[in-house]
C-alpha cells in the first residue's frame, strides 16, 4: 500500500506545488492591519480547497482574523477523532530585508521551495491537506474522523484562540491532536517535540527631556534616554550570560525530556550543536556551564529584539533624544508563569533606571510553556510511521520557540498532542529566503497518510 501512495503522490507532485504556490502568493501577514484583506483571502482559499476535497469547511469569525474549521466524520462513532491544528498567517517579509527574490512569489531551486510561509506554516498545513486527499482518492474514506483548526493569528500570539475554542468546543473535541509547525534538527531525521517554551514580550520606553536637545549645548549635563536604556538593557545579563532578574529561575524545572516507550531516540548533543551552527555560524554563545540542550530547551532566554532612539538616517544628527524604546522577550520553560516573569523583568528595569527619567514597561504578548506526556500510544504509532517514510528513527526534541495554543489545547482536551513538523535545519523561518525541502514535502505527506492509518488503532478514551 505504501508503494501505491508513493506512486499517487509522485504523479501529482507538480499539481500540488502549483496549488501550494498559489496559496503562498497571498501575503497573509497577520501583524499588519493593511493586510487584513489578504489574511481573509488566504483563509477563503483554504476553505474552498477543503470543500473541493469533500470536507465540510467554513470561516469562523473572531475578534481578529478568521479561523478555518473543517471536518470529515465518516469513520464511525467508535473510530478515533484526530484534530489537525496549524496556521495560515505568516510573518512580514520584504525584498529589502535580504530576500533573493520577492518573498510572496515562491520559486524552486535545488529541490527547495522558497517563499514566505513555505515552512511556517502554510507548507506544513498543506501537507496534511494533501495526505487527506490521498487517502480519500485511494481508499474512498479516511481511517479516522478528522477535524481541522487552521487559525490566522498564530504569528501574533493567538489572542482569539481561547475564546474561539470555548465557543466551538463541540467542533474541536478530539482523541489525538496533530500539529506540524516545527523543523527536523538534521536533514532526513524526523523529530517529535515534547516541549515548547513560553513567552512574555515587553516594550520598555525611557523618556528624558521634553524635546530633543542639541548635544553640544546640553550633552553631558542632561540624561540621554538612549544611554540610559543601553545601560538598563546591559544589566539584564551578568558576565556569564545568566539573566540577572531576581527570582527569574525560581520555578525552572531542571532535567532532560524523556520519552520511554515512545519509539523515540534521545537527541545527541553533537546533532543539536550541528543544527545550531548551521543557523548561527560563529555567533554561538549563551549561559556558560550549561549544555546546548539546556540553553535551547530547558532554560529561559531573554533577548532584545529592537531598539529605537533619536536620529537613524544617513550620517548623524547631533542630538540628545527625548526618548528611547526597546522591545524584548523572555522565553519561559516548564512551570514558569508569564505574568510573574513579566512583572519581575519590568521591576528589574525600573530599579536599574536613574532618577530623572520616566520609564514605562508594557506587555505586548505572552503565552505559557508546554510539556507533553509522551507515554501515550499515539507517540509510538507516529514514530513508527515517520521511521517508515524517512528510514530513520525519530528523535525526541524540545522546542525553543513558542506555540501559544498548546497549553490551551492541553487544558481543554484530555488528549495527546503530537508536535511533529517537516521543516529543516537552516530553513530560515521568520527570516529571508525561508524554504521547505521538497524531499521532506514528499515523504512528509506519505508519512502523514501512514500516521492517520496507524492512529485508527489507538484505544479511544473519550475526552468528549
Protein backbone atom coordinates (compact mmCIF):
# COMPACT_ATOMS: atom_id res chain seq x y z
CA UNK A 1 0.00 0.00 0.00
CA UNK A 2 2.91 2.33 0.74
CA UNK A 3 4.09 1.98 -2.86
CA UNK A 4 0.62 2.87 -4.11
CA UNK A 5 0.62 6.04 -2.01
CA UNK A 6 4.12 6.93 -3.21
CA UNK A 7 3.08 6.50 -6.86
CA UNK A 8 -0.04 8.58 -6.32
CA UNK A 9 1.90 11.42 -4.74
CA UNK A 10 4.65 11.33 -7.38
CA UNK A 11 2.09 11.63 -10.17
CA UNK A 12 0.51 14.69 -8.57
CA UNK A 13 3.55 16.47 -7.15
CA UNK A 14 3.61 19.16 -9.84
CA UNK A 15 -0.10 19.88 -9.31
CA UNK A 16 0.40 20.03 -5.55
CA UNK A 17 3.24 22.53 -5.92
CA UNK A 18 1.20 24.74 -8.24
CA UNK A 19 -1.61 24.76 -5.68
CA UNK A 20 0.69 25.49 -2.75
CA UNK A 21 2.46 28.29 -4.60
CA UNK A 22 -0.90 29.87 -5.37
CA UNK A 23 -1.68 29.93 -1.64
CA UNK A 24 1.79 31.23 -0.77
CA UNK A 25 1.30 34.20 -3.10
CA UNK A 26 -1.39 35.55 -0.76
CA UNK A 27 0.51 37.78 1.75
CA UNK A 28 -1.44 36.76 4.85
CA UNK A 29 0.58 38.93 7.25
CA UNK A 30 -1.47 38.95 10.45
CA UNK A 31 0.59 41.58 12.26
CA UNK A 32 -0.08 44.29 9.63
CA UNK A 33 -3.63 45.68 9.50
CA UNK A 34 -3.09 46.71 5.89
CA UNK A 35 -3.03 43.00 5.03
CA UNK A 36 -6.30 42.12 6.79
CA UNK A 37 -7.94 41.50 3.43
CA UNK A 38 -5.09 39.22 2.38
CA UNK A 39 -5.37 37.23 5.61
CA UNK A 40 -9.07 36.66 4.93
CA UNK A 41 -8.33 35.77 1.30
CA UNK A 42 -5.86 33.09 2.44
CA UNK A 43 -8.50 31.64 4.77
CA UNK A 44 -11.08 31.65 1.96
CA UNK A 45 -8.60 29.84 -0.30
CA UNK A 46 -8.21 27.04 2.24
CA UNK A 47 -11.96 26.73 2.83
CA UNK A 48 -12.55 26.34 -0.91
CA UNK A 49 -9.76 23.76 -1.20
CA UNK A 50 -11.10 21.67 1.70
CA UNK A 51 -14.62 21.75 0.28
CA UNK A 52 -13.30 20.62 -3.09
CA UNK A 53 -11.92 17.53 -1.33
CA UNK A 54 -15.30 16.75 0.19
CA UNK A 55 -14.77 18.10 3.68
CA UNK A 56 -17.17 20.36 5.49
CA UNK A 57 -15.35 23.67 5.99
CA UNK A 58 -16.13 27.28 6.83
CA UNK A 59 -14.68 30.51 8.17
CA UNK A 60 -15.24 31.28 11.84
CA UNK A 61 -15.07 34.93 12.81
CA UNK A 62 -13.05 36.04 15.82
CA UNK A 63 -12.25 39.40 17.37
CA UNK A 64 -9.28 39.45 15.00
CA UNK A 65 -8.58 37.35 11.94
CA UNK A 66 -10.87 34.45 10.99
CA UNK A 67 -10.10 30.80 11.63
CA UNK A 68 -10.85 27.88 9.33
CA UNK A 69 -12.76 24.92 10.77
CA UNK A 70 -13.14 21.75 8.73
CA UNK A 71 -14.17 18.18 9.36
CA UNK A 72 -14.97 14.81 7.85
CA UNK A 73 -16.56 12.44 10.37
CA UNK A 74 -17.29 9.34 8.33
CA UNK A 75 -15.14 6.75 10.09
CA UNK A 76 -17.87 5.98 12.60
CA UNK A 77 -18.57 6.76 16.26
CA UNK A 78 -16.10 4.16 17.54
CA UNK A 79 -13.17 5.44 15.49
CA UNK A 80 -10.71 7.95 16.98
CA UNK A 81 -11.11 11.62 16.13
CA UNK A 82 -7.93 13.46 15.12
CA UNK A 83 -7.71 17.25 15.34
CA UNK A 84 -5.19 18.82 12.94
CA UNK A 85 -4.06 22.26 14.09
CA UNK A 86 -1.99 24.76 12.12
CA UNK A 87 -1.94 28.38 10.99
CA UNK A 88 -2.17 30.14 7.66
CA UNK A 89 -0.90 33.57 8.75
CA UNK A 90 2.74 34.46 8.13
CA UNK A 91 5.46 36.82 9.27
CA UNK A 92 6.12 40.11 7.41
CA UNK A 93 8.58 39.88 4.52
CA UNK A 94 10.05 42.33 2.02
CA UNK A 95 12.70 42.11 -0.70
CA UNK A 96 14.75 44.81 1.07
CA UNK A 97 15.17 42.53 4.11
CA UNK A 98 17.64 40.34 2.22
CA UNK A 99 15.44 38.08 0.12
CA UNK A 100 16.90 36.78 -3.14
CA UNK A 101 13.54 37.29 -4.84
CA UNK A 102 10.13 38.64 -3.95
CA UNK A 103 9.05 36.72 -0.82
CA UNK A 104 5.43 36.28 -1.98
CA UNK A 105 6.36 34.99 -5.41
CA UNK A 106 7.63 31.49 -4.50
CA UNK A 107 10.31 29.74 -6.50
CA UNK A 108 12.09 26.37 -6.63
CA UNK A 109 15.88 25.92 -6.63
CA UNK A 110 17.84 22.74 -5.86
CA UNK A 111 14.79 20.81 -4.63
CA UNK A 112 13.81 23.58 -2.23
CA UNK A 113 10.66 25.68 -2.35
CA UNK A 114 11.43 29.27 -1.30
CA UNK A 115 8.98 31.93 -0.12
CA UNK A 116 7.30 33.30 2.95
CA UNK A 117 5.15 30.64 4.60
CA UNK A 118 6.72 27.67 2.82
CA UNK A 119 7.65 26.04 6.12
CA UNK A 120 5.93 28.30 8.68
CA UNK A 121 3.24 27.16 8.37
CA UNK A 122 1.30 27.09 5.10
CA UNK A 123 3.52 24.44 3.55
CA UNK A 124 3.19 22.11 6.53
CA UNK A 125 -0.58 22.64 6.78
CA UNK A 126 -0.85 21.91 3.07
CA UNK A 127 0.94 18.59 3.59
CA UNK A 128 -1.82 17.49 5.96
CA UNK A 129 -4.45 18.51 3.42
CA UNK A 130 -2.73 16.51 0.68
CA UNK A 131 -2.50 13.47 2.96
CA UNK A 132 -6.27 13.65 3.41
CA UNK A 133 -6.70 13.97 -0.35
CA UNK A 134 -4.52 10.93 -1.00
CA UNK A 135 -6.48 8.78 1.44
CA UNK A 136 -9.82 9.88 0.01
CA UNK A 137 -8.69 9.23 -3.56
CA UNK A 138 -7.07 5.86 -2.88
CA UNK A 139 -9.44 4.44 -0.27
CA UNK A 140 -12.63 6.44 -0.65
CA UNK A 141 -12.71 7.44 3.02
CA UNK A 142 -10.50 8.36 5.95
CA UNK A 143 -9.44 5.75 8.52
CA UNK A 144 -10.21 8.16 11.37
CA UNK A 145 -12.58 11.02 11.93
CA UNK A 146 -10.76 14.27 11.18
CA UNK A 147 -11.22 17.83 12.32
CA UNK A 148 -9.09 20.81 11.29
CA UNK A 149 -8.49 24.09 13.05
CA UNK A 150 -6.27 26.38 10.99
CA UNK A 151 -6.04 29.83 12.56
CA UNK A 152 -4.93 33.22 11.27
CA UNK A 153 -3.36 34.73 14.40
CA UNK A 154 -0.55 32.37 15.46
CA UNK A 155 2.16 34.83 14.44
CA UNK A 156 0.67 37.44 16.79
CA UNK A 157 0.26 35.13 19.77
CA UNK A 158 -3.17 33.61 19.03
CA UNK A 159 -5.09 36.26 21.03
CA UNK A 160 -8.51 34.97 19.92
CA UNK A 161 -7.81 31.26 20.35
CA UNK A 162 -9.08 30.70 23.89
CA UNK A 163 -12.41 32.36 23.11
CA UNK A 164 -12.62 30.53 19.78
CA UNK A 165 -12.12 27.18 21.45
CA UNK A 166 -14.67 27.98 24.13
CA UNK A 167 -17.32 28.95 21.59
CA UNK A 168 -16.72 25.98 19.28
CA UNK A 169 -15.64 23.27 21.72
CA UNK A 170 -18.14 20.78 20.28
CA UNK A 171 -16.48 21.07 16.85
CA UNK A 172 -12.94 20.77 18.19
CA UNK A 173 -13.19 17.77 20.53
CA UNK A 174 -10.68 15.05 19.65
CA UNK A 175 -8.82 11.97 20.88
CA UNK A 176 -5.46 12.97 19.36
CA UNK A 177 -4.08 16.35 18.23
CA UNK A 178 -1.62 16.50 15.33
CA UNK A 179 0.48 19.62 14.72
CA UNK A 180 3.19 20.21 12.12
CA UNK A 181 4.87 23.54 12.84
CA UNK A 182 8.45 22.57 13.65
CA UNK A 183 11.74 21.57 11.96
CA UNK A 184 13.92 18.50 11.83
CA UNK A 185 17.25 19.03 13.58
CA UNK A 186 19.04 17.01 10.90
CA UNK A 187 18.02 16.56 7.28
CA UNK A 188 16.08 13.34 6.83
CA UNK A 189 15.86 12.58 10.57
CA UNK A 190 12.35 13.22 11.95
CA UNK A 191 11.82 14.97 15.27
CA UNK A 192 8.83 14.77 17.60
CA UNK A 193 8.71 17.63 20.07
CA UNK A 194 7.94 17.04 23.72
CA UNK A 195 8.01 20.65 24.91
CA UNK A 196 7.94 24.27 23.84
CA UNK A 197 8.99 27.35 25.74
CA UNK A 198 6.54 30.02 26.77
CA UNK A 199 6.90 33.72 26.05
CA UNK A 200 6.39 37.14 27.55
CA UNK A 201 7.02 40.04 25.17
CA UNK A 202 7.64 43.52 26.54
CA UNK A 203 8.23 47.09 25.41
CA UNK A 204 10.25 49.49 27.54
CA UNK A 205 10.31 53.24 26.85
CA UNK A 206 12.59 55.74 28.54
CA UNK A 207 11.70 59.46 28.36
CA UNK A 208 14.03 62.25 29.46
CA UNK A 209 13.99 65.91 28.36
CA UNK A 210 10.72 67.31 26.99
CA UNK A 211 12.21 67.59 23.49
CA UNK A 212 15.32 66.65 21.52
CA UNK A 213 18.24 68.80 22.63
CA UNK A 214 21.46 69.99 20.97
CA UNK A 215 24.14 67.53 22.13
CA UNK A 216 26.84 70.20 22.04
CA UNK A 217 24.92 72.65 24.18
CA UNK A 218 23.38 70.10 26.58
CA UNK A 219 25.41 66.89 26.19
CA UNK A 220 26.99 65.74 29.45
CA UNK A 221 24.62 67.82 31.56
CA UNK A 222 21.30 66.03 30.88
CA UNK A 223 20.32 62.36 30.97
CA UNK A 224 20.33 60.85 27.50
CA UNK A 225 17.45 58.28 27.26
CA UNK A 226 19.39 56.26 24.67
CA UNK A 227 22.37 55.97 27.01
CA UNK A 228 20.10 55.16 29.94
CA UNK A 229 18.22 52.46 28.01
CA UNK A 230 21.50 50.89 26.86
CA UNK A 231 22.68 50.62 30.48
CA UNK A 232 19.33 49.18 31.58
CA UNK A 233 19.46 46.52 28.88
CA UNK A 234 23.08 45.73 29.69
CA UNK A 235 22.04 44.92 33.27
CA UNK A 236 19.68 42.16 32.14
CA UNK A 237 22.53 39.60 31.99
CA UNK A 238 25.68 39.01 34.02
CA UNK A 239 29.10 38.29 32.53
CA UNK A 240 28.33 34.56 32.39
CA UNK A 241 25.23 35.08 30.27
CA UNK A 242 22.86 34.34 33.15
CA UNK A 243 19.74 36.51 33.37
CA UNK A 244 20.18 38.99 36.23
CA UNK A 245 16.49 39.46 37.01
CA UNK A 246 15.86 38.42 40.66
CA UNK A 247 13.73 35.27 41.19
CA UNK A 248 13.57 34.50 37.48
CA UNK A 249 14.99 30.99 37.87
CA UNK A 250 12.94 30.08 40.95
CA UNK A 251 10.43 27.86 39.13
CA UNK A 252 12.66 26.46 36.37
CA UNK A 253 12.38 22.67 36.10
CA UNK A 254 15.75 21.07 35.55
CA UNK A 255 16.15 17.84 33.58
CA UNK A 256 16.01 16.46 30.08
CA UNK A 257 12.98 15.31 28.14
CA UNK A 258 12.19 11.62 28.39
CA UNK A 259 10.10 9.53 26.02
CA UNK A 260 10.27 5.98 27.34
CA UNK A 261 8.21 3.54 25.32
CA UNK A 262 7.51 6.09 22.58
CA UNK A 263 9.84 4.65 19.95
CA UNK A 264 11.89 7.86 20.00
CA UNK A 265 15.65 8.24 20.31
CA UNK A 266 17.27 10.79 22.58
CA UNK A 267 18.74 13.80 20.81
CA UNK A 268 22.52 13.67 20.66
CA UNK A 269 24.42 16.77 21.76
CA UNK A 270 26.51 16.79 18.58
CA UNK A 271 23.41 16.57 16.42
CA UNK A 272 21.88 19.59 18.14
CA UNK A 273 25.16 21.50 18.03
CA UNK A 274 25.43 20.96 14.28
CA UNK A 275 21.89 22.27 13.86
CA UNK A 276 22.74 25.35 15.92
CA UNK A 277 25.92 26.11 14.00
CA UNK A 278 24.09 25.67 10.68
CA UNK A 279 21.81 28.53 11.67
CA UNK A 280 24.14 30.78 13.70
CA UNK A 281 27.62 30.22 12.30
CA UNK A 282 30.25 31.54 14.70
CA UNK A 283 27.71 33.61 16.66
CA UNK A 284 27.09 30.85 19.23
CA UNK A 285 27.04 31.76 22.90
CA UNK A 286 24.80 31.97 25.92
CA UNK A 287 24.79 30.99 29.55
CA UNK A 288 28.09 29.35 30.50
CA UNK A 289 28.24 25.97 32.26
CA UNK A 290 25.07 24.79 30.50
CA UNK A 291 24.61 22.30 27.67
CA UNK A 292 23.23 23.28 24.30
CA UNK A 293 20.05 21.32 25.12
CA UNK A 294 19.60 23.31 28.31
CA UNK A 295 20.15 26.65 26.58
CA UNK A 296 17.67 25.92 23.81
CA UNK A 297 15.01 23.88 25.58
CA UNK A 298 15.23 23.90 29.39
CA UNK A 299 16.48 27.35 30.39
CA UNK A 300 14.84 30.76 30.00
CA UNK A 301 16.25 33.15 27.40
CA UNK A 302 15.95 36.94 27.50
CA UNK A 303 16.56 38.73 24.19
CA UNK A 304 16.32 42.30 22.92
CA UNK A 305 14.61 42.40 19.52
CA UNK A 306 14.77 46.04 18.54
CA UNK A 307 15.99 49.42 19.79
CA UNK A 308 14.78 52.80 18.56
CA UNK A 309 16.13 56.17 19.62
CA UNK A 310 16.89 59.57 18.12
CA UNK A 311 18.07 60.04 14.55
CA UNK A 312 18.84 56.92 12.47
CA UNK A 313 19.17 58.40 8.97
CA UNK A 314 22.32 58.91 6.91
CA UNK A 315 25.24 60.45 8.75
CA UNK A 316 24.33 61.67 12.21
CA UNK A 317 22.27 64.37 13.85
CA UNK A 318 23.91 65.72 17.00
CA UNK A 319 21.06 65.50 19.48
CA UNK A 320 20.19 64.17 22.90
CA UNK A 321 16.93 62.35 22.01
CA UNK A 322 13.90 62.92 24.20
CA UNK A 323 13.09 59.21 24.33
CA UNK A 324 14.29 55.71 23.53
CA UNK A 325 12.43 52.42 23.34
CA UNK A 326 13.19 48.73 23.01
CA UNK A 327 11.24 45.54 22.55
CA UNK A 328 12.35 42.35 24.23
CA UNK A 329 11.03 38.97 25.23
CA UNK A 330 11.76 36.18 27.64
CA UNK A 331 11.30 32.55 26.62
CA UNK A 332 9.97 30.52 29.55
CA UNK A 333 10.50 26.90 30.46
CA UNK A 334 8.10 24.45 32.11
CA UNK A 335 6.41 25.74 35.28
CA UNK A 336 7.25 29.41 34.70
CA UNK A 337 4.33 31.84 34.67
CA UNK A 338 4.28 34.64 32.04
CA UNK A 339 2.61 37.14 34.38
CA UNK A 340 5.17 36.58 37.12
CA UNK A 341 8.14 36.76 34.77
CA UNK A 342 6.81 39.87 33.02
CA UNK A 343 6.44 41.67 36.35
CA UNK A 344 9.89 40.58 37.50
CA UNK A 345 11.57 41.88 34.34
CA UNK A 346 9.60 45.13 34.45
CA UNK A 347 10.55 45.71 38.10
CA UNK A 348 14.20 44.98 37.34
CA UNK A 349 14.23 47.50 34.50
CA UNK A 350 12.71 50.14 36.78
CA UNK A 351 15.26 49.56 39.53
CA UNK A 352 18.18 49.95 37.12
CA UNK A 353 16.94 53.31 35.78
CA UNK A 354 18.30 56.55 37.35
CA UNK A 355 16.15 59.27 38.78
CA UNK A 356 15.27 61.99 36.30
CA UNK A 357 13.88 59.78 33.53
CA UNK A 358 10.44 58.24 33.15
CA UNK A 359 10.24 54.52 32.38
CA UNK A 360 7.16 52.76 31.04
CA UNK A 361 7.05 48.97 30.60
CA UNK A 362 4.11 47.29 28.93
CA UNK A 363 3.31 43.71 27.98
CA UNK A 364 2.94 43.08 24.25
CA UNK A 365 2.19 39.35 24.22
CA UNK A 366 2.51 36.24 26.32
CA UNK A 367 1.87 32.51 26.37
CA UNK A 368 2.65 29.65 28.72
CA UNK A 369 5.21 26.90 28.22
CA UNK A 370 4.08 23.38 27.29
CA UNK A 371 5.39 19.94 28.13
CA UNK A 372 3.91 16.70 26.80
CA UNK A 373 3.26 13.37 28.47
CA UNK A 374 4.81 11.18 25.80
CA UNK A 375 3.72 7.86 27.30
CA UNK A 376 0.54 7.73 25.17
CA UNK A 377 0.46 5.07 22.43
CA UNK A 378 -0.13 7.77 19.81
CA UNK A 379 3.54 8.78 20.05
CA UNK A 380 4.88 5.31 19.25
CA UNK A 381 2.49 4.99 16.30
CA UNK A 382 3.53 8.36 14.88
CA UNK A 383 7.19 7.50 15.45
CA UNK A 384 6.81 4.22 13.54
CA UNK A 385 5.10 5.94 10.59
CA UNK A 386 7.83 8.59 10.41
CA UNK A 387 10.57 5.98 10.53
CA UNK A 388 8.93 4.03 7.71
CA UNK A 389 8.79 7.15 5.49
CA UNK A 390 12.22 8.61 6.27
CA UNK A 391 14.23 5.49 7.08
CA UNK A 392 15.45 6.91 10.39
CA UNK A 393 14.15 6.56 13.91
CA UNK A 394 12.71 9.89 15.10
CA UNK A 395 14.36 11.80 17.90
CA UNK A 396 12.66 13.49 20.85
CA UNK A 397 13.28 17.23 20.74
CA UNK A 398 12.37 20.31 22.71
CA UNK A 399 11.05 23.44 21.09
CA UNK A 400 12.87 26.63 21.92
CA UNK A 401 10.08 28.67 20.35
CA UNK A 402 6.51 29.13 21.49
CA UNK A 403 3.15 27.89 20.22
CA UNK A 404 0.59 29.69 22.32
CA UNK A 405 -2.29 27.31 21.67
CA UNK A 406 -0.56 24.23 23.11
CA UNK A 407 -1.26 24.96 26.80
CA UNK A 408 -4.88 25.78 25.89
CA UNK A 409 -5.32 22.54 23.95
CA UNK A 410 -3.70 20.60 26.78
CA UNK A 411 -6.04 22.18 29.30
CA UNK A 412 -9.19 21.76 27.22
CA UNK A 413 -8.62 18.27 25.77
CA UNK A 414 -7.68 15.12 27.64
CA UNK A 415 -5.82 14.04 24.51
CA UNK A 416 -2.17 13.62 23.50
CA UNK A 417 -0.72 16.46 21.46
CA UNK A 418 1.79 15.23 18.89
CA UNK A 419 4.00 18.02 17.55
CA UNK A 420 5.86 16.61 14.56
CA UNK A 421 6.77 19.00 11.77
CA UNK A 422 8.67 18.67 8.49
CA UNK A 423 10.83 21.78 8.39
CA UNK A 424 14.61 21.64 8.01
CA UNK A 425 17.71 22.91 9.82
CA UNK A 426 18.51 26.33 8.39
CA UNK A 427 15.00 26.74 6.92
CA UNK A 428 15.07 30.44 7.91
CA UNK A 429 11.50 30.63 9.13
CA UNK A 430 10.79 34.29 10.07
CA UNK A 431 13.85 35.35 8.05
CA UNK A 432 14.75 35.99 4.41
CA UNK A 433 14.67 33.14 1.87
CA UNK A 434 12.52 30.87 4.02
CA UNK A 435 12.41 27.44 2.39
CA UNK A 436 10.86 23.99 2.51
CA UNK A 437 12.70 20.84 1.48
CA UNK A 438 10.75 19.18 -1.31
CA UNK A 439 12.12 15.83 -0.14
CA UNK A 440 10.56 16.48 3.26
CA UNK A 441 7.41 17.64 1.44
CA UNK A 442 7.09 14.36 -0.47
CA UNK A 443 7.96 12.00 2.34
CA UNK A 444 6.10 14.11 4.87
CA UNK A 445 2.80 13.67 3.04
CA UNK A 446 3.49 9.96 2.76
CA UNK A 447 4.20 9.70 6.48
CA UNK A 448 1.04 11.67 7.34
CA UNK A 449 -1.00 9.15 5.36
CA UNK A 450 0.53 6.35 7.42
CA UNK A 451 0.12 8.32 10.67
CA UNK A 452 -3.63 8.66 10.11
CA UNK A 453 -3.89 4.97 9.29
CA UNK A 454 -1.97 3.95 12.39
CA UNK A 455 -3.97 6.25 14.66
CA UNK A 456 -7.09 4.34 13.64
CA UNK A 457 -5.94 1.60 16.02
CA UNK A 458 -5.41 3.87 19.03
CA UNK A 459 -7.56 2.91 22.01
CA UNK A 460 -10.23 5.58 22.32
CA UNK A 461 -10.62 7.03 25.79
CA UNK A 462 -13.28 9.57 25.07
CA UNK A 463 -12.48 13.09 26.23
CA UNK A 464 -15.75 14.42 24.78
